[in-house]
Amino acid sequence: MSEQKLAVNEYLKIDSDYLRGDIQGGLDTQVTGSFSDGDQQLIKFHGFYQQDDRDLRNERKEQKLEPLHSFMLRARVPGGICTPAQWLEVDKISSTLTTSNSIRLTTRQTFQYHGIPKRNLKTLIQGLDRAALDSIAACGDVNRNVMCNPNPVESKLHAQAYAVAKHLSDHLLPHTRAYAEIWLDEEKLLGTETVEPVYGKTYLPRKFKMAVAVPPDNDVDVYTNDLGFIAVAEDGELVGFNLVAGGGMGSTHGEVETFPRLADDFGFIKTDDVTKFAEAVMTVQRDWGNRVVRKRARLKYTIVDHGYEAFKAEVEKRAGVKFEPKRDVIIGDRGDRYGWVEGIDNKFHLTLFIESGRIKDMPGQTLQTGLREIAKIHKGDFRMTSNQNMIIAGVAAEDKAEIEGLARKHGLLGQVLSGTRGHSIACVALPTCPLAMAEAERYFPEFIDHIDALQAKHGISEQSIVVRMTGCPNGCARPFAAEIGLVGKAPGRYNLYLGASFEGTRLNKMHKENIQEAEILAELDALFGRYATERDAGETFGNFTVRIGVVKAVNDAAKDFHA
């Protein structure tokens, strides 16, 4: 039998000379604003994607012009923490080197820029480097930005968990010098061979996402990640983690062999063994993952195809340590704590709601200016959350009034914020994402207005509901883990998913396919009416829709999600 042909991206990686390709040649070519098809895949490993303004695509085609190409760059910021000085540089870059003049906080606890002309890419990356920031491995078939609960209350435990997240991010970076050579003008070291001890020459079969959760919070949606570490504490001290693996949100409309999945529990590991287990999971995925069918290349499919027990045994073998029985922990709220909260050492932390993560000056809400002015005087740190919000962390009591004053002056505080809006997120989608089939970020605030109105109509405004919207089924805003998930199918049309748990421990299931706003709202209107009168005490909306049989519970994604 002849050997199966690998996916196209595998050959690109093999021939890339450890992610170099001809990126430098494409960068030097000024006759087009784009890179070659192959290099468009390789630049993802360097942290950015080629995009174009889809609102202008047809107009430019009629004018016989190429699409208005630009780039989206995503930074690597482990645990979402940066200093005020770094934020000022991030802000300056957005205003001088991008056409969007904005910063977007992502659902992976970092920031990204949109609208970067090709000619500005190198200058931008060098500006980040001067601020001790980078974008290497923020995208591509590697371990991406490692998320960590930004818990501002249990500050000591957060510091310990953050140290683990930061170590994992740094330790699992690619070893290739391609990024430094191309973007930072470092010389190529002749006579030295690149060695990738974890990744190998072809890196991973697909992207890999990792998160560290600190119970009872599940703001990082730990079960939606390829690899998750759930902190276990005794007397306020970190003693280890429950390891979970095999989560992932992406799927393809109409292809039942693809599906979202939540991670499996594998057991407890000691803090000292975190690196061993992370490397073991990643190398099993490297060696066992599907390199023929790219849509089946994520770790979730590797575990399904090879079996839980076989995967667990191989991880233990490579780690040289066996899992202990998982420890009892409580997984609770996925939202952020808005407003002021007090941590240890008499420090205070201010969580600001940033709708869909878009930081931009708008009439009545000069968000970007406000954060810039706060950064000029703030003595603590900035913490981006995986819900696309910002925490001004580590504020001394005597500085609270000044920082709150600036936040209110610039519209960063004072919004009327329902519990549902505060728990809800959306992806970028149109006009820049090439995969988007429908709107998300631009339409989502209006959609949540409708949800708030329906909840008020039925007297259930006090109940927070997790609502998420994406323009396509790749799942960047984790819609399949939402109590109400909207996934774009076509302009103005979405698949409606219901039934996930509020805590993020059960997936939802499709209730209606390819429907427009009026039908979506009519469905939710009727369900909210029933929820108001038929719910049990303390019952969340997702659990209610499963109990009354609107959708069936998804207990095994491979069998249940499409059934």
Protein backbone atom coordinates (compact mmCIF):
# COMPACT_ATOMS: atom_id res chain seq x y z
CA MET A 1 0.00 0.00 0.00
CA SER A 2 1.36 3.43 -0.91
CA GLU A 3 1.98 5.91 1.87
CA GLN A 4 -0.84 8.41 2.46
CA LYS A 5 -0.26 11.89 1.11
CA LEU A 6 0.22 14.44 3.88
CA ALA A 7 -1.81 17.62 4.21
CA VAL A 8 -0.38 20.53 2.18
CA ASN A 9 0.72 22.42 5.29
CA GLU A 10 2.96 19.51 6.30
CA TYR A 11 5.04 19.87 3.12
CA LEU A 12 5.19 23.63 3.63
CA LYS A 13 6.65 23.12 7.09
CA ILE A 14 9.11 20.47 5.89
CA ASP A 15 10.42 22.78 3.14
CA SER A 16 10.36 25.97 5.22
CA ASP A 17 13.86 25.69 6.78
CA TYR A 18 12.32 25.96 10.24
CA LEU A 19 9.65 28.56 9.42
CA ARG A 20 11.79 30.83 7.23
CA GLY A 21 10.31 30.02 3.82
CA ASP A 22 10.60 33.02 1.53
CA ILE A 23 9.03 35.41 4.04
CA GLN A 24 11.97 37.79 3.65
CA GLY A 25 11.52 37.83 -0.13
CA GLY A 26 7.81 38.52 0.23
CA LEU A 27 8.52 41.29 2.68
CA ASP A 28 10.93 42.92 0.22
CA THR A 29 8.44 42.76 -2.66
CA GLN A 30 6.50 46.02 -2.85
CA VAL A 31 4.49 45.33 -6.03
CA THR A 32 1.85 43.56 -3.94
CA GLY A 33 0.54 43.98 -0.43
CA SER A 34 0.38 40.22 0.07
CA PHE A 35 2.63 37.20 0.61
CA SER A 36 2.65 34.03 -1.49
CA ASP A 37 0.11 31.34 -0.60
CA GLY A 38 2.72 29.17 1.10
CA ASP A 39 4.24 31.99 3.10
CA GLN A 40 0.77 33.05 4.24
CA GLN A 41 0.73 29.80 6.19
CA LEU A 42 4.24 30.26 7.58
CA ILE A 43 3.75 33.85 8.77
CA LYS A 44 1.13 32.54 11.20
CA PHE A 45 3.96 31.00 13.24
CA HIS A 46 5.39 34.52 13.49
CA GLY A 47 2.12 35.78 14.89
CA PHE A 48 0.12 37.27 12.05
CA TYR A 49 -2.47 36.52 9.38
CA GLN A 50 -2.99 38.06 5.97
CA GLN A 51 -6.46 39.59 5.59
CA ASP A 52 -8.30 42.06 3.39
CA ASP A 53 -11.22 44.45 3.84
CA ARG A 54 -14.17 42.40 2.65
CA ASP A 55 -16.43 45.45 2.69
CA LEU A 56 -14.30 46.79 -0.19
CA ARG A 57 -13.55 43.52 -1.99
CA ASN A 58 -16.15 43.78 -4.76
CA GLU A 59 -15.52 47.48 -5.35
CA ARG A 60 -11.79 46.90 -5.77
CA LYS A 61 -12.42 43.92 -8.03
CA GLU A 62 -14.52 46.13 -10.32
CA GLN A 63 -11.65 48.61 -10.37
CA LYS A 64 -9.28 45.76 -11.33
CA LEU A 65 -7.33 46.22 -8.11
CA GLU A 66 -6.09 43.45 -5.85
CA PRO A 67 -7.92 43.14 -2.51
CA LEU A 68 -6.93 45.75 0.09
CA HIS A 69 -4.53 43.46 1.90
CA SER A 70 -3.45 44.09 5.46
CA PHE A 71 -2.38 41.98 8.40
CA MET A 72 -3.69 41.03 11.81
CA LEU A 73 -0.94 40.54 14.37
CA ARG A 74 -1.54 38.80 17.70
CA ALA A 75 0.93 39.26 20.54
CA ARG A 76 2.18 36.59 22.92
CA VAL A 77 1.39 37.79 26.44
CA PRO A 78 1.37 34.83 28.87
CA GLY A 79 -1.41 35.17 31.42
CA GLY A 80 -2.43 38.48 29.86
CA ILE A 81 -0.17 40.62 32.07
CA CYS A 82 1.74 43.66 30.84
CA THR A 83 3.21 46.73 32.51
CA PRO A 84 1.85 50.27 32.06
CA ALA A 85 5.04 51.13 30.14
CA GLN A 86 4.42 48.23 27.78
CA TRP A 87 0.81 49.30 27.31
CA LEU A 88 1.91 52.80 26.33
CA GLU A 89 4.08 51.29 23.59
CA VAL A 90 1.23 48.99 22.50
CA ASP A 91 -1.03 52.05 22.29
CA LYS A 92 1.52 54.12 20.37
CA ILE A 93 1.98 51.37 17.79
CA SER A 94 -1.77 51.08 17.17
CA SER A 95 -2.00 54.81 16.47
CA THR A 96 1.00 55.05 14.17
CA LEU A 97 1.38 51.73 12.33
CA THR A 98 -2.17 50.40 11.82
CA THR A 99 -5.08 51.67 9.77
CA SER A 100 -7.65 50.50 12.33
CA ASN A 101 -6.31 52.87 15.02
CA SER A 102 -7.51 50.42 17.63
CA ILE A 103 -6.41 47.59 19.89
CA ARG A 104 -8.47 44.45 20.31
CA LEU A 105 -8.39 42.27 23.40
CA THR A 106 -8.81 38.65 22.39
CA THR A 107 -10.53 35.63 23.87
CA ARG A 108 -7.06 34.18 24.47
CA GLN A 109 -6.07 36.91 26.92
CA THR A 110 -3.81 38.94 24.71
CA PHE A 111 -4.15 41.82 22.26
CA GLN A 112 -4.09 42.00 18.50
CA TYR A 113 -3.80 44.69 15.85
CA HIS A 114 -5.86 44.89 12.68
CA GLY A 115 -5.12 46.80 9.49
CA ILE A 116 -1.31 46.59 9.40
CA PRO A 117 0.11 47.39 5.93
CA LYS A 118 2.87 44.99 4.87
CA ARG A 119 5.39 47.84 4.83
CA ASN A 120 4.77 48.41 8.56
CA LEU A 121 5.09 44.81 9.77
CA LYS A 122 8.80 44.87 10.56
CA THR A 123 8.69 48.28 12.25
CA LEU A 124 5.75 47.13 14.36
CA ILE A 125 7.42 43.91 15.51
CA GLN A 126 10.60 45.79 16.37
CA GLY A 127 8.52 48.25 18.40
CA LEU A 128 7.02 45.38 20.36
CA ASP A 129 10.49 43.96 20.88
CA ARG A 130 11.69 47.23 22.42
CA ALA A 131 8.83 46.86 24.91
CA ALA A 132 9.91 43.26 25.69
CA LEU A 133 6.90 41.86 23.81
CA ASP A 134 6.72 39.56 20.81
CA SER A 135 4.34 37.68 18.55
CA ILE A 136 6.27 34.47 17.97
CA ALA A 137 4.05 31.38 18.28
CA ALA A 138 0.93 33.47 18.86
CA CYS A 139 -0.53 31.60 15.86
CA GLY A 140 0.43 28.53 13.83
CA ASP A 141 0.84 24.83 14.61
CA VAL A 142 2.49 25.41 17.98
CA ASN A 143 1.56 26.08 21.59
CA ARG A 144 -0.14 29.48 21.49
CA ASN A 145 -0.59 32.14 24.16
CA VAL A 146 -0.93 30.40 27.53
CA MET A 147 -3.92 31.73 29.43
CA CYS A 148 -4.07 32.08 33.20
CA ASN A 149 -6.86 33.15 35.53
CA PRO A 150 -6.20 36.85 36.31
CA ASN A 151 -7.74 36.43 39.78
CA PRO A 152 -7.18 39.72 41.57
CA VAL A 153 -8.51 38.51 44.92
CA GLU A 154 -6.39 35.47 45.72
CA SER A 155 -3.32 37.39 44.67
CA LYS A 156 -0.74 35.02 46.17
CA LEU A 157 -2.28 31.96 44.51
CA HIS A 158 -2.63 33.88 41.26
CA ALA A 159 1.05 34.78 41.34
CA GLN A 160 1.96 31.11 41.74
CA ALA A 161 -0.37 30.01 38.92
CA TYR A 162 0.84 32.84 36.68
CA ALA A 163 4.46 31.76 37.20
CA VAL A 164 3.51 28.31 35.88
CA ALA A 165 1.74 29.80 32.84
CA LYS A 166 4.68 32.09 32.07
CA HIS A 167 7.15 29.23 32.37
CA LEU A 168 5.10 26.99 30.07
CA SER A 169 4.82 29.74 27.46
CA ASP A 170 8.55 30.47 27.47
CA HIS A 171 9.67 26.86 27.72
CA LEU A 172 7.52 25.71 24.80
CA LEU A 173 8.52 28.44 22.36
CA PRO A 174 9.94 27.25 19.03
CA HIS A 175 13.77 27.25 19.04
CA THR A 176 14.11 28.42 15.43
CA ARG A 177 15.87 31.75 14.96
CA ALA A 178 13.68 32.60 11.96
CA TYR A 179 11.70 35.23 13.89
CA ALA A 180 14.84 36.99 15.15
CA GLU A 181 16.52 36.90 11.74
CA ILE A 182 13.60 38.16 9.66
CA TRP A 183 12.04 40.71 11.98
CA LEU A 184 14.78 41.78 14.39
CA ASP A 185 17.69 41.79 11.90
CA GLU A 186 19.72 39.30 13.90
CA GLU A 187 22.40 37.52 11.90
CA LYS A 188 21.91 33.97 10.76
CA LEU A 189 24.32 31.78 12.70
CA LEU A 190 26.15 29.69 10.15
CA GLY A 191 27.26 26.19 11.00
CA THR A 192 24.62 25.70 13.69
CA GLU A 193 21.73 23.33 13.16
CA THR A 194 18.27 24.20 14.42
CA VAL A 195 16.92 21.62 16.83
CA GLU A 196 13.30 21.64 17.95
CA PRO A 197 13.27 19.25 20.94
CA VAL A 198 9.50 19.37 21.44
CA TYR A 199 8.23 20.26 17.97
CA GLY A 200 10.55 18.54 15.52
CA LYS A 201 10.98 19.78 11.96
CA THR A 202 7.25 19.72 11.15
CA TYR A 203 6.03 21.20 14.46
CA LEU A 204 2.57 20.09 15.61
CA PRO A 205 -0.16 18.79 13.29
CA ARG A 206 -2.38 21.74 14.23
CA LYS A 207 -2.68 24.62 16.70
CA PHE A 208 -2.40 23.87 20.41
CA LYS A 209 -4.07 25.87 23.19
CA MET A 210 -3.27 25.79 26.88
CA ALA A 211 -4.78 27.40 29.99
CA VAL A 212 -4.27 27.53 33.75
CA ALA A 213 -7.44 27.87 35.84
CA VAL A 214 -7.69 28.90 39.49
CA PRO A 215 -10.97 27.57 40.99
CA PRO A 216 -13.65 28.48 41.64
CA ASP A 217 -13.22 30.73 38.59
CA ASN A 218 -13.35 29.25 35.11
CA ASP A 219 -12.89 32.48 33.19
CA VAL A 220 -10.25 30.78 31.00
CA ASP A 221 -12.80 28.14 29.92
CA VAL A 222 -10.24 25.51 30.82
CA TYR A 223 -12.15 22.56 29.35
CA THR A 224 -12.18 24.13 25.87
CA ASN A 225 -8.37 23.94 25.64
CA ASP A 226 -6.13 21.24 24.23
CA LEU A 227 -4.37 21.14 27.60
CA GLY A 228 -5.59 22.63 30.86
CA PHE A 229 -4.24 22.83 34.39
CA ILE A 230 -6.78 23.36 37.17
CA ALA A 231 -4.99 24.66 40.27
CA VAL A 232 -5.31 22.73 43.52
CA ALA A 233 -4.49 24.71 46.66
CA GLU A 234 -4.07 23.79 50.30
CA ASP A 235 -4.11 26.61 52.87
CA GLY A 236 -3.80 29.13 50.05
CA GLU A 237 -0.66 27.50 48.62
CA LEU A 238 -0.48 25.86 45.20
CA VAL A 239 0.25 22.12 45.53
CA GLY A 240 -0.48 20.93 42.01
CA PHE A 241 -3.06 20.69 39.26
CA ASN A 242 -5.80 18.51 37.88
CA LEU A 243 -4.74 17.99 34.27
CA VAL A 244 -7.38 18.02 31.53
CA ALA A 245 -6.73 17.45 27.83
CA GLY A 246 -8.53 17.16 24.52
CA GLY A 247 -10.70 20.25 24.32
CA GLY A 248 -11.24 22.40 21.25
CA MET A 249 -14.02 24.44 19.68
CA GLY A 250 -13.45 24.30 15.92
CA SER A 251 -15.68 22.35 13.54
CA THR A 252 -16.93 22.61 9.97
CA HIS A 253 -20.57 23.16 8.99
CA GLY A 254 -22.11 19.98 7.61
CA GLU A 255 -19.12 17.72 8.28
CA VAL A 256 -20.07 15.39 11.11
CA GLU A 257 -16.56 14.01 11.42
CA THR A 258 -15.62 17.39 12.91
CA PHE A 259 -17.04 18.57 16.23
CA PRO A 260 -16.26 20.75 19.24
CA ARG A 261 -15.19 18.89 22.36
CA LEU A 262 -14.47 19.52 26.02
CA ALA A 263 -11.31 18.16 27.62
CA ASP A 264 -11.16 14.90 29.56
CA ASP A 265 -10.01 14.74 33.18
CA PHE A 266 -6.78 12.75 33.50
CA GLY A 267 -5.83 13.17 37.14
CA PHE A 268 -3.74 15.19 39.60
CA ILE A 269 -0.09 16.12 39.05
CA LYS A 270 2.37 17.92 41.34
CA THR A 271 3.53 21.40 40.44
CA ASP A 272 7.09 20.14 39.91
CA ASP A 273 5.82 17.76 37.21
CA VAL A 274 3.93 20.30 35.11
CA THR A 275 6.66 20.68 32.48
CA LYS A 276 7.09 16.90 32.12
CA PHE A 277 3.38 16.38 31.52
CA ALA A 278 3.04 19.36 29.16
CA GLU A 279 5.90 18.06 27.02
CA ALA A 280 4.50 14.52 27.16
CA VAL A 281 1.04 15.58 25.97
CA MET A 282 2.49 17.74 23.21
CA THR A 283 4.92 15.11 21.93
CA VAL A 284 2.21 12.45 21.85
CA GLN A 285 0.13 14.85 19.80
CA ARG A 286 3.17 15.56 17.61
CA ASP A 287 3.69 11.87 16.93
CA TRP A 288 0.12 10.56 16.95
CA GLY A 289 -1.81 13.52 15.55
CA ASN A 290 -3.41 13.36 12.09
CA ARG A 291 -1.10 14.92 9.49
CA VAL A 292 -3.15 13.71 6.52
CA VAL A 293 -6.57 15.28 7.15
CA ARG A 294 -5.98 18.74 8.62
CA LYS A 295 -9.57 19.11 9.81
CA ARG A 296 -8.98 16.09 12.06
CA ALA A 297 -5.57 17.20 13.33
CA ARG A 298 -6.39 18.69 16.74
CA LEU A 299 -5.57 16.83 19.95
CA LYS A 300 -9.28 16.17 20.61
CA TYR A 301 -9.41 13.87 17.58
CA THR A 302 -6.15 12.17 18.53
CA ILE A 303 -7.67 11.16 21.88
CA VAL A 304 -10.94 10.04 20.26
CA ASP A 305 -9.17 8.04 17.54
CA HIS A 306 -6.57 6.35 19.77
CA GLY A 307 -8.71 6.05 22.91
CA TYR A 308 -8.50 7.70 26.30
CA GLU A 309 -6.66 4.86 28.05
CA ALA A 310 -4.03 4.44 25.34
CA PHE A 311 -3.39 8.18 25.26
CA LYS A 312 -3.15 8.38 29.06
CA ALA A 313 -0.72 5.47 29.22
CA GLU A 314 1.54 7.01 26.59
CA VAL A 315 1.55 10.38 28.36
CA GLU A 316 2.50 8.72 31.65
CA LYS A 317 5.24 6.75 29.88
CA ARG A 318 6.77 9.87 28.33
CA ALA A 319 6.41 11.96 31.49
CA GLY A 320 7.94 9.21 33.62
CA VAL A 321 5.26 9.91 36.26
CA LYS A 322 1.79 8.47 36.77
CA PHE A 323 -1.32 10.54 37.35
CA GLU A 324 -2.74 10.56 40.84
CA PRO A 325 -6.54 10.53 41.30
CA LYS A 326 -7.92 13.97 40.50
CA ARG A 327 -8.59 16.23 43.48
CA ASP A 328 -12.01 17.67 44.28
CA VAL A 329 -12.31 21.28 43.14
CA ILE A 330 -15.28 23.51 42.45
CA ILE A 331 -15.54 24.99 38.94
CA GLY A 332 -17.85 27.99 38.99
CA ASP A 333 -18.34 31.33 37.28
CA ARG A 334 -16.81 32.12 33.89
CA GLY A 335 -17.38 35.85 34.15
CA ASP A 336 -15.13 38.66 35.37
CA ARG A 337 -15.50 40.64 38.61
CA TYR A 338 -16.45 44.11 37.39
CA GLY A 339 -15.61 47.21 39.38
CA TRP A 340 -13.28 47.35 42.37
CA VAL A 341 -12.21 44.28 44.32
CA GLU A 342 -9.68 44.08 47.11
CA GLY A 343 -6.78 41.64 47.06
CA ILE A 344 -3.92 41.08 49.48
CA ASP A 345 -1.37 43.66 50.66
CA ASN A 346 -4.08 46.34 50.71
CA LYS A 347 -4.08 46.47 46.91
CA PHE A 348 -7.19 47.06 44.82
CA HIS A 349 -8.09 45.91 41.31
CA LEU A 350 -10.49 47.59 38.86
CA THR A 351 -12.07 45.39 36.17
CA LEU A 352 -13.31 47.37 33.16
CA PHE A 353 -15.89 46.02 30.70
CA ILE A 354 -14.64 46.38 27.11
CA GLU A 355 -17.42 45.44 24.67
CA SER A 356 -16.09 42.68 22.38
CA GLY A 357 -12.60 43.72 23.45
CA ARG A 358 -12.39 46.64 21.00
CA ILE A 359 -10.34 49.50 22.47
CA LYS A 360 -10.97 52.55 20.33
CA ASP A 361 -11.95 56.17 20.82
CA MET A 362 -15.62 56.68 19.99
CA PRO A 363 -18.06 59.51 20.68
CA GLY A 364 -18.74 59.53 24.41
CA GLN A 365 -16.32 56.65 25.02
CA THR A 366 -12.69 57.55 24.52
CA LEU A 367 -11.55 54.12 25.63
CA GLN A 368 -8.10 54.15 24.08
CA THR A 369 -7.28 57.61 25.41
CA GLY A 370 -8.58 56.62 28.84
CA LEU A 371 -6.35 53.55 29.12
CA ARG A 372 -3.42 55.61 27.88
CA GLU A 373 -3.97 58.24 30.58
CA ILE A 374 -4.33 55.54 33.24
CA ALA A 375 -1.11 53.87 32.05
CA LYS A 376 0.78 57.14 32.52
CA ILE A 377 0.07 57.17 36.28
CA HIS A 378 -0.57 53.50 37.17
CA LYS A 379 2.01 51.78 39.40
CA GLY A 380 0.66 48.21 39.18
CA ASP A 381 0.00 46.11 36.09
CA PHE A 382 -2.60 45.67 33.36
CA ARG A 383 -4.34 42.28 33.10
CA MET A 384 -6.23 41.28 29.99
CA THR A 385 -8.93 38.69 30.63
CA SER A 386 -10.12 35.86 28.41
CA ASN A 387 -13.52 37.57 28.38
CA GLN A 388 -11.92 40.46 26.44
CA ASN A 389 -11.86 42.85 29.39
CA MET A 390 -9.12 44.78 31.20
CA ILE A 391 -8.11 44.79 34.87
CA ILE A 392 -6.18 47.74 36.28
CA ALA A 393 -4.44 45.64 38.94
CA GLY A 394 -2.39 46.43 42.01
CA VAL A 395 -3.75 49.88 42.83
CA ALA A 396 -2.84 51.44 46.17
CA ALA A 397 -5.77 52.78 48.22
CA GLU A 398 -4.56 56.37 47.83
CA ASP A 399 -4.53 56.03 44.00
CA LYS A 400 -8.04 54.61 43.59
CA ALA A 401 -9.86 57.91 43.23
CA GLU A 402 -7.59 59.24 40.48
CA ILE A 403 -7.76 56.05 38.44
CA GLU A 404 -11.52 55.74 38.85
CA GLY A 405 -11.91 59.37 37.84
CA LEU A 406 -10.02 58.79 34.60
CA ALA A 407 -12.00 55.62 33.90
CA ARG A 408 -15.30 57.44 34.34
CA LYS A 409 -14.19 60.48 32.36
CA HIS A 410 -13.37 58.34 29.33
CA GLY A 411 -16.39 56.01 29.44
CA LEU A 412 -14.53 52.98 30.81
CA LEU A 413 -16.85 52.94 33.82
CA GLY A 414 -20.49 53.82 34.30
CA GLN A 415 -22.06 51.65 31.60
CA VAL A 416 -25.36 49.94 32.39
CA LEU A 417 -24.17 46.37 32.34
CA SER A 418 -26.49 43.37 32.65
CA GLY A 419 -25.18 40.09 33.99
CA THR A 420 -25.75 38.53 30.58
CA ARG A 421 -23.81 41.22 28.71
CA GLY A 422 -21.01 40.89 31.24
CA HIS A 423 -20.72 37.15 30.55
CA SER A 424 -20.89 37.35 26.76
CA ILE A 425 -18.23 37.53 24.05
CA ALA A 426 -17.96 37.65 20.26
CA CYS A 427 -15.25 37.13 17.65
CA VAL A 428 -14.06 39.76 15.13
CA ALA A 429 -15.72 38.25 12.02
CA LEU A 430 -16.49 40.76 9.23
CA PRO A 431 -15.02 42.76 7.63
CA THR A 432 -11.48 41.46 8.18
CA CYS A 433 -11.64 37.75 9.03
CA PRO A 434 -11.46 35.74 5.78
CA LEU A 435 -13.36 32.82 7.35
CA ALA A 436 -16.39 34.79 8.55
CA MET A 437 -19.75 33.90 7.04
CA ALA A 438 -21.75 36.39 9.12
CA GLU A 439 -21.29 39.36 11.43
CA ALA A 440 -20.26 38.99 15.05
CA GLU A 441 -18.42 41.87 16.78
CA ARG A 442 -20.21 44.65 14.86
CA TYR A 443 -23.68 43.16 15.39
CA PHE A 444 -23.27 41.60 18.83
CA PRO A 445 -23.95 44.68 21.03
CA GLU A 446 -27.29 45.16 19.26
CA PHE A 447 -28.13 41.48 19.67
CA ILE A 448 -27.40 41.61 23.40
CA ASP A 449 -29.69 44.65 23.62
CA HIS A 450 -32.46 42.38 22.33
CA ILE A 451 -31.56 39.63 24.82
CA ASP A 452 -31.58 42.13 27.71
CA ALA A 453 -35.00 43.37 26.60
CA LEU A 454 -36.40 39.85 26.45
CA GLN A 455 -35.05 39.02 29.88
CA ALA A 456 -36.60 42.19 31.27
CA LYS A 457 -39.92 41.35 29.57
CA HIS A 458 -40.05 38.01 31.40
CA GLY A 459 -38.69 39.23 34.70
CA ILE A 460 -35.47 37.22 34.57
CA SER A 461 -32.93 40.06 34.27
CA GLU A 462 -31.24 38.92 37.48
CA GLN A 463 -30.13 35.69 35.80
CA SER A 464 -26.80 35.88 33.98
CA ILE A 465 -26.76 33.85 30.78
CA VAL A 466 -23.59 33.04 28.84
CA VAL A 467 -24.18 34.19 25.23
CA ARG A 468 -21.53 33.97 22.53
CA MET A 469 -21.45 34.72 18.81
CA THR A 470 -19.00 33.83 16.06
CA GLY A 471 -19.01 34.50 12.34
CA CYS A 472 -18.03 30.91 11.53
CA PRO A 473 -17.73 27.50 13.22
CA ASN A 474 -13.99 27.79 13.99
CA GLY A 475 -15.16 28.87 17.44
CA CYS A 476 -12.76 31.67 18.43
CA ALA A 477 -15.29 33.02 20.98
CA ARG A 478 -15.99 29.49 22.26
CA PRO A 479 -19.67 29.52 21.15
CA PHE A 480 -20.20 25.79 21.63
CA ALA A 481 -19.60 26.22 25.36
CA ALA A 482 -22.25 28.97 25.64
CA GLU A 483 -25.73 28.58 27.08
CA ILE A 484 -26.85 30.46 23.96
CA GLY A 485 -24.45 30.09 21.04
CA LEU A 486 -24.85 31.81 17.67
CA VAL A 487 -22.60 30.54 14.87
CA GLY A 488 -22.60 32.30 11.51
CA LYS A 489 -23.89 30.36 8.50
CA ALA A 490 -24.45 33.15 5.94
CA PRO A 491 -24.94 36.94 6.01
CA GLY A 492 -27.62 37.57 8.65
CA ARG A 493 -28.08 33.86 9.34
CA TYR A 494 -26.90 31.76 12.27
CA ASN A 495 -27.17 28.31 13.78
CA LEU A 496 -28.68 28.56 17.27
CA TYR A 497 -27.12 26.33 19.94
CA LEU A 498 -28.54 25.76 23.42
CA GLY A 499 -27.86 23.70 26.52
CA ALA A 500 -24.27 24.26 27.67
CA SER A 501 -23.72 24.51 31.40
CA PHE A 502 -23.19 27.93 32.95
CA GLU A 503 -19.86 26.73 34.39
CA GLY A 504 -18.44 25.53 31.07
CA THR A 505 -18.46 21.81 31.85
CA ARG A 506 -20.94 20.70 29.15
CA LEU A 507 -21.24 21.61 25.46
CA ASN A 508 -24.39 22.93 23.83
CA LYS A 509 -26.24 21.39 20.88
CA MET A 510 -27.83 22.83 17.75
CA HIS A 511 -31.48 23.75 18.23
CA LYS A 512 -32.25 25.61 15.00
CA GLU A 513 -30.22 25.85 11.79
CA ASN A 514 -29.63 28.78 9.45
CA ILE A 515 -32.14 31.21 10.95
CA GLN A 516 -32.36 35.00 10.99
CA GLU A 517 -32.70 37.45 13.86
CA ALA A 518 -36.51 37.45 14.00
CA GLU A 519 -36.71 33.67 14.37
CA ILE A 520 -33.82 33.57 16.84
CA LEU A 521 -35.50 36.14 19.06
CA ALA A 522 -38.88 34.43 18.74
CA GLU A 523 -37.36 31.14 19.89
CA LEU A 524 -35.64 32.80 22.84
CA ASP A 525 -38.75 34.81 23.73
CA ALA A 526 -40.77 31.61 24.10
CA LEU A 527 -38.01 29.84 26.03
CA PHE A 528 -37.47 32.79 28.39
CA GLY A 529 -41.21 32.77 29.06
CA ARG A 530 -41.08 29.11 30.06
CA TYR A 531 -37.87 29.62 32.04
CA ALA A 532 -39.49 32.40 34.06
CA THR A 533 -42.33 30.12 35.21
CA GLU A 534 -40.95 26.58 35.09
CA ARG A 535 -37.36 26.80 36.31
CA ASP A 536 -36.24 25.14 39.51
CA ALA A 537 -34.65 27.19 42.28
CA GLY A 538 -31.13 28.17 41.24
CA GLU A 539 -31.46 26.48 37.85
CA THR A 540 -29.40 28.07 35.09
CA PHE A 541 -30.78 28.63 31.61
CA GLY A 542 -28.55 26.04 29.94
CA ASN A 543 -29.50 23.36 32.43
CA PHE A 544 -33.17 24.29 32.05
CA THR A 545 -33.17 23.81 28.26
CA VAL A 546 -31.71 20.33 28.74
CA ARG A 547 -34.11 19.36 31.57
CA ILE A 548 -37.25 20.27 29.63
CA GLY A 549 -36.00 18.48 26.52
CA VAL A 550 -35.41 21.42 24.17
CA VAL A 551 -32.01 19.88 23.45
CA LYS A 552 -30.37 16.69 24.67
CA ALA A 553 -27.28 16.84 26.85
CA VAL A 554 -23.96 16.40 25.07
CA ASN A 555 -22.07 13.91 27.22
CA ASP A 556 -19.80 12.47 24.52
CA ALA A 557 -19.15 14.98 21.74
CA ALA A 558 -18.06 12.39 19.18
CA LYS A 559 -21.40 10.58 19.56
CA ASP A 560 -23.83 13.21 20.83
CA PHE A 561 -23.01 16.58 19.27
CA HIS A 562 -24.40 15.86 15.79
CA ALA A 563 -26.85 13.12 16.77
